Every structure is written in C-alpha cells, then in structure tokens.
C-alpha cells in the first residue's frame, strides 16, 4: 500500500508531536522546527541546546516483522525513533546511530520499544545534557 506525500507529512508531524510530548514531560523544553535535517530544537535543564531528528515507523508484515527506519543523513545530535504500533520511542545519539547502522538503515523488532527502555533513554538523554 503506497502512501501519499500528504500522508507522509502528517505521519511525520504526528511523530514530531509525540516526541515533543515525551521530551517536555521529561523536563526538556522543545520547539518543532523541521529545518535543515532537524525536526526539533530542545533545551536541556542546564540550558544547552541540541537538535533532534524524528523517525517514525510501524511494524512491517512478514517476512520482516520489524520496524524499518531510513536514517541516511545523520546531522542531528539526537534521533528519536517512534514505533507507532505502541506509541513508544527510543533515543539514540548520532554517534550511536552511526555505529549501529553505517549504511543508513535501522531495522529492529517491536520488542526494542518498551516503556522501560524508553524511560531509560529519556533519563540518559537528560543526564547527558545536564
């Protein structure tokens, strides 16, 4: 099933809003900017600004049964990956993402997205910029 550019934009915007919600809930104010390879500008509790790229996906059907994220350009400081099947996120730094997927594709099973791991990522992010 092909998706239209309008559907892709709406999905991307929904992902940016969800990522902003989790960041704000964790005490990290942010603004959706969608510019220059960056979707969100965020400010740590310590006042440091950093850029966030948001990538959203749904679990693909068999034979993959996994989520696939295209992350060719790695310009942002942090990447928020969203599983729309359970509305959970994972956060990876640009360095970690580059190590995990040097070719620009990141594929993970749905079990990679748990509430516990999401809150660990948010705590780690907050600590990294404090």
C-alpha atoms as a PDB file:
ATOM      1  CA  UNK A   1       0.000   0.000   0.000  1.00  0.00           C
ATOM      2  CA  UNK A   2       1.618   3.236  -1.182  1.00  0.00           C
ATOM      3  CA  UNK A   3       1.344   6.368   0.885  1.00  0.00           C
ATOM      4  CA  UNK A   4       0.969   9.883  -0.443  1.00  0.00           C
ATOM      5  CA  UNK A   5       3.302  12.801   0.325  1.00  0.00           C
ATOM      6  CA  UNK A   6       0.480  14.381   2.366  1.00  0.00           C
ATOM      7  CA  UNK A   7       0.103  11.197   4.423  1.00  0.00           C
ATOM      8  CA  UNK A   8       3.857  11.023   4.956  1.00  0.00           C
ATOM      9  CA  UNK A   9       3.922  14.665   6.122  1.00  0.00           C
ATOM     10  CA  UNK A  10       1.020  14.056   8.518  1.00  0.00           C
ATOM     11  CA  UNK A  11       2.715  10.941   9.910  1.00  0.00           C
ATOM     12  CA  UNK A  12       5.987  12.833  10.307  1.00  0.00           C
ATOM     13  CA  UNK A  13       4.229  15.700  12.079  1.00  0.00           C
ATOM     14  CA  UNK A  14       2.449  13.277  14.425  1.00  0.00           C
ATOM     15  CA  UNK A  15       5.822  11.728  15.267  1.00  0.00           C
ATOM     16  CA  UNK A  16       7.331  15.138  15.986  1.00  0.00           C
ATOM     17  CA  UNK A  17       4.430  15.996  18.295  1.00  0.00           C
ATOM     18  CA  UNK A  18       4.721  12.671  20.149  1.00  0.00           C
ATOM     19  CA  UNK A  19       8.497  13.077  20.535  1.00  0.00           C
ATOM     20  CA  UNK A  20       7.983  16.646  21.819  1.00  0.00           C
ATOM     21  CA  UNK A  21       5.429  15.386  24.327  1.00  0.00           C
ATOM     22  CA  UNK A  22       7.851  12.845  25.813  1.00  0.00           C
ATOM     23  CA  UNK A  23      10.739  15.334  25.887  1.00  0.00           C
ATOM     24  CA  UNK A  24       8.607  18.015  27.545  1.00  0.00           C
ATOM     25  CA  UNK A  25       7.229  15.503  30.040  1.00  0.00           C
ATOM     26  CA  UNK A  26      10.825  14.715  30.988  1.00  0.00           C
ATOM     27  CA  UNK A  27      11.586  18.405  31.616  1.00  0.00           C
ATOM     28  CA  UNK A  28      13.233  19.165  28.264  1.00  0.00           C
ATOM     29  CA  UNK A  29      11.514  22.139  26.586  1.00  0.00           C
ATOM     30  CA  UNK A  30      11.452  21.907  22.808  1.00  0.00           C
ATOM     31  CA  UNK A  31      10.222  23.522  19.616  1.00  0.00           C
ATOM     32  CA  UNK A  32       9.269  21.766  16.403  1.00  0.00           C
ATOM     33  CA  UNK A  33      11.275  23.476  13.658  1.00  0.00           C
ATOM     34  CA  UNK A  34      11.501  20.961  10.780  1.00  0.00           C
ATOM     35  CA  UNK A  35      14.541  22.656   9.226  1.00  0.00           C
ATOM     36  CA  UNK A  36      17.963  21.694   7.947  1.00  0.00           C
ATOM     37  CA  UNK A  37      17.802  17.999   8.848  1.00  0.00           C
ATOM     38  CA  UNK A  38      16.410  18.810  12.281  1.00  0.00           C
ATOM     39  CA  UNK A  39      12.817  18.329  13.412  1.00  0.00           C
ATOM     40  CA  UNK A  40      13.095  19.646  16.974  1.00  0.00           C
ATOM     41  CA  UNK A  41      15.306  22.051  18.868  1.00  0.00           C
ATOM     42  CA  UNK A  42      15.453  21.050  22.526  1.00  0.00           C
ATOM     43  CA  UNK A  43      16.932  22.729  25.602  1.00  0.00           C
ATOM     44  CA  UNK A  44      18.321  20.709  28.457  1.00  0.00           C
ATOM     45  CA  UNK A  45      17.624  21.619  32.092  1.00  0.00           C
ATOM     46  CA  UNK A  46      21.180  23.013  32.120  1.00  0.00           C
ATOM     47  CA  UNK A  47      20.365  25.367  29.232  1.00  0.00           C
ATOM     48  CA  UNK A  48      22.265  23.561  26.475  1.00  0.00           C
ATOM     49  CA  UNK A  49      20.505  23.343  23.094  1.00  0.00           C
ATOM     50  CA  UNK A  50      20.587  20.248  20.904  1.00  0.00           C
ATOM     51  CA  UNK A  51      18.930  19.110  17.701  1.00  0.00           C
ATOM     52  CA  UNK A  52      16.609  16.132  17.333  1.00  0.00           C
ATOM     53  CA  UNK A  53      15.629  14.215  14.199  1.00  0.00           C
ATOM     54  CA  UNK A  54      12.420  12.173  14.489  1.00  0.00           C
ATOM     55  CA  UNK A  55      11.854   8.964  12.525  1.00  0.00           C
ATOM     56  CA  UNK A  56       8.550   7.082  12.723  1.00  0.00           C
ATOM     57  CA  UNK A  57       7.554   3.597  11.602  1.00  0.00           C
ATOM     58  CA  UNK A  58       5.035   0.805  12.014  1.00  0.00           C
ATOM     59  CA  UNK A  59       5.887  -2.881  12.299  1.00  0.00           C
ATOM     60  CA  UNK A  60       6.138  -4.309   8.795  1.00  0.00           C
ATOM     61  CA  UNK A  61       4.350  -7.533   7.946  1.00  0.00           C
ATOM     62  CA  UNK A  62       6.037 -10.877   7.318  1.00  0.00           C
ATOM     63  CA  UNK A  63       8.669 -11.741   6.367  1.00  0.00           C
ATOM     64  CA  UNK A  64      10.225  -8.761   8.195  1.00  0.00           C
ATOM     65  CA  UNK A  65       8.013  -8.408  11.289  1.00  0.00           C
ATOM     66  CA  UNK A  66      10.121  -5.412  12.257  1.00  0.00           C
ATOM     67  CA  UNK A  67      10.335  -1.646  12.061  1.00  0.00           C
ATOM     68  CA  UNK A  68      12.468  -0.026   9.390  1.00  0.00           C
ATOM     69  CA  UNK A  69      13.895   3.482   9.715  1.00  0.00           C
ATOM     70  CA  UNK A  70      15.729   5.339   6.937  1.00  0.00           C
ATOM     71  CA  UNK A  71      18.458   7.352   8.591  1.00  0.00           C
ATOM     72  CA  UNK A  72      20.814   8.189   5.736  1.00  0.00           C
ATOM     73  CA  UNK A  73      21.575  11.719   6.863  1.00  0.00           C
ATOM     74  CA  UNK A  74      22.853  11.890  10.388  1.00  0.00           C
ATOM     75  CA  UNK A  75      23.084  15.614  11.077  1.00  0.00           C
ATOM     76  CA  UNK A  76      21.069  15.944  14.281  1.00  0.00           C
ATOM     77  CA  UNK A  77      22.613  15.480  17.729  1.00  0.00           C
ATOM     78  CA  UNK A  78      19.920  13.004  18.820  1.00  0.00           C
ATOM     79  CA  UNK A  79      17.493  10.720  16.989  1.00  0.00           C
ATOM     80  CA  UNK A  80      14.073   9.798  18.316  1.00  0.00           C
ATOM     81  CA  UNK A  81      12.724   6.605  16.758  1.00  0.00           C
ATOM     82  CA  UNK A  82       8.986   6.083  17.143  1.00  0.00           C
ATOM     83  CA  UNK A  83       7.026   2.848  16.985  1.00  0.00           C
ATOM     84  CA  UNK A  84       3.504   3.942  16.055  1.00  0.00           C
ATOM     85  CA  UNK A  85       2.170   0.475  16.936  1.00  0.00           C
ATOM     86  CA  UNK A  86       2.590   1.178  20.662  1.00  0.00           C
ATOM     87  CA  UNK A  87       3.420   4.952  20.658  1.00  0.00           C
ATOM     88  CA  UNK A  88       6.751   4.347  22.368  1.00  0.00           C
ATOM     89  CA  UNK A  89      10.075   5.928  21.481  1.00  0.00           C
ATOM     90  CA  UNK A  90      13.773   5.135  21.646  1.00  0.00           C
ATOM     91  CA  UNK A  91      16.512   7.752  21.611  1.00  0.00           C
ATOM     92  CA  UNK A  92      19.933   7.322  20.059  1.00  0.00           C
ATOM     93  CA  UNK A  93      22.768   9.811  19.765  1.00  0.00           C
ATOM     94  CA  UNK A  94      24.176  10.477  16.306  1.00  0.00           C
ATOM     95  CA  UNK A  95      27.339   8.548  17.257  1.00  0.00           C
ATOM     96  CA  UNK A  96      25.391   5.512  18.481  1.00  0.00           C
ATOM     97  CA  UNK A  97      23.176   5.517  15.407  1.00  0.00           C
ATOM     98  CA  UNK A  98      26.194   5.779  13.106  1.00  0.00           C
ATOM     99  CA  UNK A  99      27.794   2.777  14.826  1.00  0.00           C
ATOM    100  CA  UNK A 100      24.602   0.710  14.658  1.00  0.00           C
ATOM    101  CA  UNK A 101      23.714   1.461  11.037  1.00  0.00           C
ATOM    102  CA  UNK A 102      26.608   2.816   8.987  1.00  0.00           C
ATOM    103  CA  UNK A 103      24.629   2.163   5.779  1.00  0.00           C
ATOM    104  CA  UNK A 104      21.687   4.372   6.714  1.00  0.00           C
ATOM    105  CA  UNK A 105      19.058   1.748   7.519  1.00  0.00           C
ATOM    106  CA  UNK A 106      17.997   0.774  11.017  1.00  0.00           C
ATOM    107  CA  UNK A 107      15.775  -2.268  11.499  1.00  0.00           C
ATOM    108  CA  UNK A 108      14.518  -3.503  14.875  1.00  0.00           C
ATOM    109  CA  UNK A 109      11.820  -5.843  16.184  1.00  0.00           C
ATOM    110  CA  UNK A 110       8.867  -4.354  18.032  1.00  0.00           C
ATOM    111  CA  UNK A 111      10.316  -5.674  21.314  1.00  0.00           C
ATOM    112  CA  UNK A 112      13.024  -2.986  21.007  1.00  0.00           C
ATOM    113  CA  UNK A 113      10.307  -0.484  22.009  1.00  0.00           C
ATOM    114  CA  UNK A 114       9.311  -0.959  25.637  1.00  0.00           C
ATOM    115  CA  UNK A 115       8.165   1.590  28.175  1.00  0.00           C
ATOM    116  CA  UNK A 116      11.066   0.741  30.485  1.00  0.00           C
ATOM    117  CA  UNK A 117      13.687   1.238  27.753  1.00  0.00           C
ATOM    118  CA  UNK A 118      12.012   4.461  26.627  1.00  0.00           C
ATOM    119  CA  UNK A 119      12.233   5.992  30.133  1.00  0.00           C
ATOM    120  CA  UNK A 120      15.860   4.816  30.443  1.00  0.00           C
ATOM    121  CA  UNK A 121      16.658   6.586  27.163  1.00  0.00           C
ATOM    122  CA  UNK A 122      14.922   9.776  28.331  1.00  0.00           C
ATOM    123  CA  UNK A 123      16.841   9.700  31.641  1.00  0.00           C
ATOM    124  CA  UNK A 124      20.107   9.114  29.813  1.00  0.00           C
ATOM    125  CA  UNK A 125      19.379  11.998  27.435  1.00  0.00           C
ATOM    126  CA  UNK A 126      18.550  14.366  30.279  1.00  0.00           C
ATOM    127  CA  UNK A 127      21.727  13.366  32.152  1.00  0.00           C
ATOM    128  CA  UNK A 128      23.886  13.785  29.034  1.00  0.00           C
ATOM    129  CA  UNK A 129      22.904  17.439  28.717  1.00  0.00           C
ATOM    130  CA  UNK A 130      22.758  18.389  32.406  1.00  0.00           C
END
